N, C-alpha and C. Protein backbone atom coordinates (compact mmCIF):
# COMPACT_ATOMS: atom_id res chain seq x y z
N UNK A 1 4.53 -9.07 -12.77
CA UNK A 1 4.78 -9.40 -11.38
C UNK A 1 3.45 -9.82 -10.72
N UNK A 2 3.44 -10.95 -10.08
CA UNK A 2 2.24 -11.40 -9.38
C UNK A 2 2.33 -11.06 -7.89
N UNK A 3 1.32 -11.42 -7.14
CA UNK A 3 1.29 -11.09 -5.72
C UNK A 3 2.39 -11.81 -4.93
N UNK A 4 2.78 -12.99 -5.36
CA UNK A 4 3.89 -13.70 -4.66
C UNK A 4 5.18 -12.97 -4.88
N UNK A 5 5.48 -12.55 -6.10
CA UNK A 5 6.68 -11.81 -6.40
C UNK A 5 6.65 -10.45 -5.73
N UNK A 6 5.48 -9.81 -5.66
CA UNK A 6 5.39 -8.51 -4.96
C UNK A 6 5.70 -8.69 -3.48
N UNK A 7 5.13 -9.72 -2.85
CA UNK A 7 5.41 -9.97 -1.44
C UNK A 7 6.92 -10.23 -1.25
N UNK A 8 7.48 -11.00 -2.10
CA UNK A 8 8.92 -11.32 -2.00
C UNK A 8 9.76 -10.07 -2.15
N UNK A 9 9.39 -9.20 -3.10
CA UNK A 9 10.15 -7.96 -3.27
C UNK A 9 10.10 -7.15 -1.99
N UNK A 10 8.96 -6.98 -1.40
CA UNK A 10 8.82 -6.13 -0.19
C UNK A 10 9.62 -6.74 0.96
N UNK A 11 9.47 -8.00 1.20
CA UNK A 11 10.16 -8.65 2.33
C UNK A 11 11.66 -8.75 2.11
N UNK A 12 12.10 -8.86 0.89
CA UNK A 12 13.55 -8.92 0.58
C UNK A 12 14.17 -7.54 0.54
N UNK A 13 13.43 -6.50 0.16
CA UNK A 13 14.01 -5.19 -0.07
C UNK A 13 14.10 -4.29 1.17
N UNK A 14 13.26 -4.57 2.15
CA UNK A 14 13.22 -3.73 3.31
C UNK A 14 13.50 -4.53 4.59
N UNK A 15 14.37 -4.01 5.43
CA UNK A 15 14.81 -4.76 6.64
C UNK A 15 13.70 -4.84 7.66
N UNK A 16 13.67 -5.97 8.34
CA UNK A 16 12.78 -6.17 9.50
C UNK A 16 11.30 -6.05 9.14
N UNK A 17 10.91 -6.46 7.98
CA UNK A 17 9.51 -6.44 7.59
C UNK A 17 8.87 -7.75 8.04
N UNK A 18 7.73 -7.60 8.65
CA UNK A 18 6.94 -8.78 9.04
C UNK A 18 5.60 -8.72 8.33
N UNK A 19 5.04 -9.87 8.10
CA UNK A 19 3.72 -9.93 7.42
C UNK A 19 2.74 -10.73 8.27
N UNK A 20 1.50 -10.42 8.04
CA UNK A 20 0.39 -11.22 8.60
C UNK A 20 -0.72 -11.18 7.55
N UNK A 21 -1.57 -12.20 7.62
CA UNK A 21 -2.68 -12.25 6.65
C UNK A 21 -3.98 -12.27 7.41
N UNK A 22 -4.91 -11.47 6.94
CA UNK A 22 -6.28 -11.40 7.51
C UNK A 22 -7.21 -10.79 6.48
N UNK A 23 -8.45 -11.27 6.47
CA UNK A 23 -9.50 -10.73 5.56
C UNK A 23 -9.04 -10.76 4.10
N UNK A 24 -8.28 -11.77 3.70
CA UNK A 24 -7.74 -11.93 2.31
C UNK A 24 -6.69 -10.87 1.99
N UNK A 25 -6.11 -10.19 2.95
CA UNK A 25 -5.07 -9.23 2.73
C UNK A 25 -3.79 -9.76 3.33
N UNK A 26 -2.65 -9.36 2.75
CA UNK A 26 -1.34 -9.50 3.39
C UNK A 26 -0.98 -8.13 3.88
N UNK A 27 -0.64 -7.98 5.15
CA UNK A 27 -0.26 -6.76 5.76
C UNK A 27 1.28 -6.72 5.96
N UNK A 28 1.92 -5.62 5.60
CA UNK A 28 3.35 -5.50 5.75
C UNK A 28 3.64 -4.48 6.84
N UNK A 29 4.35 -4.96 7.84
CA UNK A 29 4.69 -4.10 9.02
C UNK A 29 6.18 -3.94 9.14
N UNK A 30 6.62 -2.81 9.69
CA UNK A 30 8.06 -2.67 9.96
C UNK A 30 8.44 -3.37 11.30
N UNK A 31 7.60 -3.20 12.31
CA UNK A 31 8.01 -3.69 13.60
C UNK A 31 7.09 -4.78 14.10
N UNK A 32 7.56 -5.45 15.12
CA UNK A 32 6.82 -6.61 15.63
C UNK A 32 5.53 -6.21 16.37
N UNK A 33 5.39 -4.91 16.68
CA UNK A 33 4.19 -4.46 17.35
C UNK A 33 2.97 -4.52 16.42
N UNK A 34 3.24 -4.44 15.13
CA UNK A 34 2.18 -4.50 14.10
C UNK A 34 1.04 -3.56 14.39
N UNK A 35 1.39 -2.35 14.62
CA UNK A 35 0.38 -1.33 14.93
C UNK A 35 -0.27 -0.81 13.66
N UNK A 36 0.54 -0.50 12.64
CA UNK A 36 0.00 0.10 11.42
C UNK A 36 0.86 -0.40 10.23
N UNK A 37 0.22 -1.06 9.26
CA UNK A 37 1.04 -1.53 8.11
C UNK A 37 1.47 -0.34 7.23
N UNK A 38 2.53 -0.51 6.52
CA UNK A 38 2.93 0.51 5.57
C UNK A 38 2.46 0.16 4.17
N UNK A 39 2.05 -1.09 3.96
CA UNK A 39 1.50 -1.56 2.68
C UNK A 39 0.62 -2.76 2.96
N UNK A 40 -0.34 -2.99 2.05
CA UNK A 40 -1.14 -4.18 2.12
C UNK A 40 -1.30 -4.71 0.70
N UNK A 41 -1.61 -5.96 0.58
CA UNK A 41 -1.80 -6.58 -0.69
C UNK A 41 -3.08 -7.41 -0.64
N UNK A 42 -3.99 -7.12 -1.57
CA UNK A 42 -5.25 -7.88 -1.65
C UNK A 42 -5.30 -8.61 -2.99
N UNK A 43 -5.69 -9.89 -2.90
CA UNK A 43 -5.75 -10.67 -4.16
C UNK A 43 -7.08 -11.29 -4.41
N UNK A 44 -8.06 -11.13 -3.52
CA UNK A 44 -9.42 -11.59 -3.74
C UNK A 44 -10.40 -10.58 -3.11
N UNK A 45 -11.56 -10.56 -3.65
CA UNK A 45 -12.61 -9.73 -3.03
C UNK A 45 -13.01 -10.34 -1.70
N UNK A 46 -13.43 -9.52 -0.78
CA UNK A 46 -13.99 -10.05 0.49
C UNK A 46 -15.22 -9.28 0.85
N UNK A 47 -15.82 -9.58 1.91
CA UNK A 47 -17.11 -8.91 2.28
C UNK A 47 -16.95 -7.41 2.53
N UNK A 48 -15.74 -6.96 2.79
CA UNK A 48 -15.49 -5.52 3.07
C UNK A 48 -15.03 -4.75 1.85
N UNK A 49 -14.59 -5.45 0.83
CA UNK A 49 -13.92 -4.76 -0.29
C UNK A 49 -14.15 -5.51 -1.57
N UNK A 50 -15.05 -4.95 -2.44
CA UNK A 50 -15.30 -5.57 -3.71
C UNK A 50 -15.07 -4.59 -4.88
N UNK A 51 -14.61 -3.38 -4.55
CA UNK A 51 -14.55 -2.33 -5.52
C UNK A 51 -13.57 -2.57 -6.71
N UNK A 52 -12.55 -3.39 -6.48
CA UNK A 52 -11.54 -3.63 -7.53
C UNK A 52 -11.75 -4.92 -8.32
N UNK A 53 -12.85 -5.64 -8.05
CA UNK A 53 -13.10 -6.89 -8.75
C UNK A 53 -11.88 -7.77 -8.78
N UNK A 54 -11.37 -8.07 -7.61
CA UNK A 54 -10.13 -8.87 -7.45
C UNK A 54 -10.35 -10.35 -7.69
N UNK A 55 -11.52 -10.76 -7.92
CA UNK A 55 -11.75 -12.17 -8.21
C UNK A 55 -11.41 -12.55 -9.65
N UNK A 56 -10.96 -11.57 -10.40
CA UNK A 56 -10.46 -11.88 -11.77
C UNK A 56 -9.16 -12.65 -11.67
N UNK A 57 -8.93 -13.63 -12.50
CA UNK A 57 -7.71 -14.40 -12.44
C UNK A 57 -6.42 -13.53 -12.48
N UNK A 58 -5.58 -13.72 -11.50
CA UNK A 58 -4.27 -13.05 -11.47
C UNK A 58 -4.29 -11.60 -11.08
N UNK A 59 -5.41 -11.06 -10.70
CA UNK A 59 -5.49 -9.62 -10.37
C UNK A 59 -5.26 -9.44 -8.88
N UNK A 60 -4.42 -8.45 -8.53
CA UNK A 60 -4.18 -8.11 -7.14
C UNK A 60 -4.06 -6.57 -7.03
N UNK A 61 -4.28 -6.05 -5.84
CA UNK A 61 -4.16 -4.64 -5.59
C UNK A 61 -3.14 -4.40 -4.47
N UNK A 62 -2.18 -3.58 -4.77
CA UNK A 62 -1.19 -3.18 -3.77
C UNK A 62 -1.62 -1.83 -3.23
N UNK A 63 -1.68 -1.70 -1.91
CA UNK A 63 -2.04 -0.49 -1.26
C UNK A 63 -0.84 0.01 -0.46
N UNK A 64 -0.58 1.36 -0.57
CA UNK A 64 0.64 1.91 0.01
C UNK A 64 0.34 3.19 0.74
N UNK A 65 0.77 3.28 2.01
CA UNK A 65 0.56 4.51 2.77
C UNK A 65 1.77 5.44 2.60
N UNK A 66 1.52 6.60 1.97
CA UNK A 66 2.55 7.57 1.68
C UNK A 66 2.39 8.86 2.51
N UNK A 67 3.38 9.73 2.43
CA UNK A 67 3.26 11.02 3.10
C UNK A 67 2.25 11.89 2.37
N UNK A 68 1.65 12.77 3.13
CA UNK A 68 0.61 13.67 2.57
C UNK A 68 1.14 14.47 1.37
N UNK A 69 2.32 15.07 1.43
CA UNK A 69 2.82 15.80 0.24
C UNK A 69 2.93 14.93 -0.99
N UNK A 70 3.34 13.68 -0.84
CA UNK A 70 3.40 12.79 -1.98
C UNK A 70 2.01 12.54 -2.54
N UNK A 71 1.08 12.23 -1.64
CA UNK A 71 -0.29 12.00 -2.04
C UNK A 71 -0.85 13.21 -2.81
N UNK A 72 -0.58 14.40 -2.26
CA UNK A 72 -1.06 15.63 -2.89
C UNK A 72 -0.40 15.89 -4.25
N UNK A 73 0.89 15.53 -4.36
CA UNK A 73 1.55 15.69 -5.66
C UNK A 73 0.94 14.80 -6.72
N UNK A 74 0.43 13.65 -6.29
CA UNK A 74 -0.21 12.73 -7.23
C UNK A 74 -1.64 13.13 -7.57
N UNK A 75 -2.41 13.63 -6.59
CA UNK A 75 -3.84 13.77 -6.75
C UNK A 75 -4.39 15.15 -6.44
N UNK A 76 -3.53 16.11 -6.10
CA UNK A 76 -3.99 17.46 -5.83
C UNK A 76 -4.17 17.70 -4.29
N UNK A 77 -4.30 18.97 -3.97
CA UNK A 77 -4.35 19.33 -2.55
C UNK A 77 -5.78 19.34 -1.99
N UNK A 78 -6.75 19.28 -2.81
CA UNK A 78 -8.11 19.29 -2.31
C UNK A 78 -8.59 17.89 -1.93
N UNK A 79 -9.84 17.78 -1.51
CA UNK A 79 -10.39 16.49 -1.22
C UNK A 79 -10.53 15.67 -2.52
N UNK A 80 -10.03 14.45 -2.48
CA UNK A 80 -10.08 13.60 -3.65
C UNK A 80 -11.42 12.91 -3.78
N UNK A 81 -12.02 12.99 -4.95
CA UNK A 81 -13.27 12.36 -5.22
C UNK A 81 -12.98 10.94 -5.74
N UNK A 82 -13.06 10.00 -4.82
CA UNK A 82 -12.71 8.59 -5.23
C UNK A 82 -13.75 8.04 -6.21
N UNK A 83 -14.90 8.63 -6.29
CA UNK A 83 -15.92 8.19 -7.25
C UNK A 83 -15.48 8.46 -8.69
N UNK A 84 -14.49 9.28 -8.90
CA UNK A 84 -14.03 9.61 -10.22
C UNK A 84 -13.09 8.56 -10.79
N UNK A 85 -12.74 7.54 -10.01
CA UNK A 85 -11.73 6.52 -10.37
C UNK A 85 -12.40 5.19 -10.71
N UNK A 86 -11.83 4.51 -11.65
CA UNK A 86 -12.23 3.13 -11.99
C UNK A 86 -11.27 2.19 -11.23
N UNK A 87 -11.65 1.71 -10.09
CA UNK A 87 -10.80 0.91 -9.24
C UNK A 87 -10.60 -0.52 -9.74
N UNK A 88 -11.13 -0.79 -10.95
CA UNK A 88 -10.85 -2.08 -11.59
C UNK A 88 -9.75 -1.95 -12.65
N UNK A 89 -9.29 -0.71 -12.91
CA UNK A 89 -8.27 -0.48 -13.94
C UNK A 89 -6.92 -1.00 -13.49
N UNK A 90 -6.26 -1.67 -14.38
CA UNK A 90 -4.93 -2.24 -14.10
C UNK A 90 -3.85 -1.19 -14.36
N UNK A 91 -2.71 -1.28 -13.65
CA UNK A 91 -1.51 -0.48 -13.89
C UNK A 91 -1.77 1.02 -13.85
N UNK A 92 -2.59 1.44 -12.91
CA UNK A 92 -2.91 2.83 -12.73
C UNK A 92 -2.80 3.22 -11.28
N UNK A 93 -1.94 4.19 -10.96
CA UNK A 93 -1.82 4.66 -9.59
C UNK A 93 -3.08 5.48 -9.28
N UNK A 94 -3.75 5.11 -8.21
CA UNK A 94 -4.99 5.80 -7.82
C UNK A 94 -5.00 6.04 -6.31
N UNK A 95 -5.90 6.95 -5.87
CA UNK A 95 -6.04 7.03 -4.42
C UNK A 95 -6.75 5.76 -3.94
N UNK A 96 -6.48 5.32 -2.72
CA UNK A 96 -7.15 4.16 -2.20
C UNK A 96 -8.64 4.43 -2.12
N UNK A 97 -9.47 3.45 -2.41
CA UNK A 97 -10.94 3.75 -2.44
C UNK A 97 -11.49 4.06 -1.04
N UNK A 98 -10.86 3.60 0.02
CA UNK A 98 -11.37 3.88 1.39
C UNK A 98 -10.39 4.74 2.19
N UNK A 99 -9.11 4.61 1.97
CA UNK A 99 -8.12 5.27 2.83
C UNK A 99 -7.41 6.39 2.17
N UNK A 100 -7.95 6.98 1.12
CA UNK A 100 -7.36 8.16 0.50
C UNK A 100 -7.23 9.31 1.52
N UNK A 101 -8.21 9.52 2.42
CA UNK A 101 -8.01 10.64 3.38
C UNK A 101 -6.79 10.43 4.29
N UNK A 102 -6.30 9.20 4.43
CA UNK A 102 -5.10 8.94 5.23
C UNK A 102 -3.86 8.87 4.34
N UNK A 103 -3.95 9.36 3.09
CA UNK A 103 -2.87 9.37 2.12
C UNK A 103 -2.39 7.99 1.66
N UNK A 104 -3.33 7.09 1.45
CA UNK A 104 -2.99 5.79 0.87
C UNK A 104 -3.31 5.79 -0.60
N UNK A 105 -2.44 5.16 -1.33
CA UNK A 105 -2.59 5.00 -2.80
C UNK A 105 -2.73 3.50 -3.11
N UNK A 106 -3.14 3.18 -4.33
CA UNK A 106 -3.25 1.79 -4.72
C UNK A 106 -2.95 1.65 -6.20
N UNK A 107 -2.65 0.42 -6.55
CA UNK A 107 -2.43 0.07 -7.96
C UNK A 107 -2.77 -1.41 -8.13
N UNK A 108 -3.49 -1.72 -9.20
CA UNK A 108 -3.73 -3.15 -9.57
C UNK A 108 -2.72 -3.58 -10.58
N UNK A 109 -2.04 -4.67 -10.33
CA UNK A 109 -1.11 -5.30 -11.28
C UNK A 109 -0.23 -4.27 -12.00
N UNK A 110 0.69 -3.62 -11.26
CA UNK A 110 1.54 -2.65 -11.90
C UNK A 110 2.43 -3.34 -12.98
N UNK A 111 2.63 -2.64 -14.06
CA UNK A 111 3.55 -3.12 -15.10
C UNK A 111 4.97 -2.99 -14.58
N UNK A 112 5.91 -3.56 -15.30
CA UNK A 112 7.32 -3.44 -14.89
C UNK A 112 7.72 -1.97 -14.83
N UNK A 113 7.29 -1.21 -15.83
CA UNK A 113 7.67 0.22 -15.91
C UNK A 113 7.05 0.97 -14.70
N UNK A 114 5.78 0.78 -14.47
CA UNK A 114 5.13 1.44 -13.31
C UNK A 114 5.76 0.99 -11.97
N UNK A 115 6.06 -0.31 -11.90
CA UNK A 115 6.68 -0.80 -10.67
C UNK A 115 8.01 -0.14 -10.42
N UNK A 116 8.87 -0.12 -11.41
CA UNK A 116 10.24 0.43 -11.23
C UNK A 116 10.25 1.92 -11.05
N UNK A 117 9.43 2.64 -11.80
CA UNK A 117 9.47 4.11 -11.74
C UNK A 117 8.57 4.76 -10.69
N UNK A 118 7.49 4.07 -10.35
CA UNK A 118 6.53 4.70 -9.40
C UNK A 118 6.36 3.92 -8.13
N UNK A 119 6.10 2.62 -8.25
CA UNK A 119 5.76 1.81 -7.05
C UNK A 119 6.95 1.62 -6.13
N UNK A 120 8.12 1.34 -6.65
CA UNK A 120 9.26 1.16 -5.79
C UNK A 120 9.57 2.38 -4.91
N UNK A 121 9.58 3.58 -5.48
CA UNK A 121 9.82 4.78 -4.63
C UNK A 121 8.67 5.00 -3.62
N UNK A 122 7.42 4.67 -3.99
CA UNK A 122 6.31 4.83 -3.03
C UNK A 122 6.45 3.83 -1.89
N UNK A 123 6.83 2.60 -2.20
CA UNK A 123 7.06 1.61 -1.18
C UNK A 123 8.22 2.04 -0.25
N UNK A 124 9.29 2.52 -0.84
CA UNK A 124 10.46 2.99 -0.02
C UNK A 124 10.02 4.13 0.93
N UNK A 125 9.20 5.01 0.44
CA UNK A 125 8.71 6.12 1.28
C UNK A 125 7.79 5.57 2.39
N UNK A 126 6.89 4.70 2.06
CA UNK A 126 6.00 4.16 3.05
C UNK A 126 6.76 3.39 4.14
N UNK A 127 7.76 2.66 3.73
CA UNK A 127 8.62 1.93 4.66
C UNK A 127 9.35 2.93 5.56
N UNK A 128 9.88 3.99 5.02
CA UNK A 128 10.56 5.04 5.79
C UNK A 128 9.59 5.67 6.82
N UNK A 129 8.37 5.90 6.41
CA UNK A 129 7.34 6.45 7.30
C UNK A 129 7.14 5.49 8.51
N UNK A 130 7.07 4.21 8.21
CA UNK A 130 6.88 3.17 9.24
C UNK A 130 8.10 3.14 10.19
N UNK A 131 9.27 3.20 9.65
CA UNK A 131 10.48 3.19 10.46
C UNK A 131 10.53 4.42 11.39
N UNK A 132 10.23 5.59 10.83
CA UNK A 132 10.26 6.83 11.62
C UNK A 132 9.18 6.77 12.71
N UNK A 133 7.98 6.26 12.38
CA UNK A 133 6.95 6.11 13.42
C UNK A 133 7.40 5.20 14.52
N UNK A 134 8.00 4.11 14.18
CA UNK A 134 8.53 3.13 15.20
C UNK A 134 9.56 3.80 16.06
N UNK A 135 10.49 4.59 15.46
CA UNK A 135 11.54 5.21 16.26
C UNK A 135 10.91 6.27 17.20
N UNK A 136 9.93 7.01 16.74
CA UNK A 136 9.25 7.96 17.64
C UNK A 136 8.60 7.25 18.84
N UNK A 137 7.91 6.10 18.54
CA UNK A 137 7.29 5.38 19.64
C UNK A 137 8.35 4.87 20.62
N UNK A 138 9.46 4.38 20.11
CA UNK A 138 10.53 3.90 20.99
C UNK A 138 11.06 5.03 21.87
N UNK A 139 11.26 6.19 21.31
CA UNK A 139 11.78 7.34 22.05
C UNK A 139 10.76 7.78 23.10
N UNK A 140 9.47 7.77 22.75
CA UNK A 140 8.43 8.13 23.70
C UNK A 140 8.36 7.12 24.84
N UNK A 141 8.45 5.81 24.53
CA UNK A 141 8.39 4.78 25.53
C UNK A 141 9.55 4.79 26.47
N UNK A 142 10.74 5.29 25.98
CA UNK A 142 11.93 5.32 26.80
C UNK A 142 11.93 6.55 27.73
N UNK A 143 11.12 7.50 27.42
CA UNK A 143 11.11 8.77 28.25
C UNK A 143 10.44 8.54 29.56
């Protein structure tokens, strides 16, 4: 799966997803307010992010914001040492190099197996978090 297919999967699989592109990233939002993405996709290095060596042909990194218990189930309950990870490794679920404290995970070029068994459920969870956040904001704004 390449970044075009990944983008298509996300926009086709989840209702009311909007995208925007900035800093060589595609941002995936649930609502039109675009306050906080539930996932991002990076396909080239930029001045802010070179850790994954994305300038390699065909390499992209999918970043996904998950719930804290999910993040902890993957990486433990203590502080994650991101220096222990090789962020150039393909097909490996890792904590995000910058946003691990906010429970973000990442993967470069997930294989079909990793995509179907791990990435799809993580994306569904991240989308659900975004929907719930949006509903809470709507309820607060209506009060």
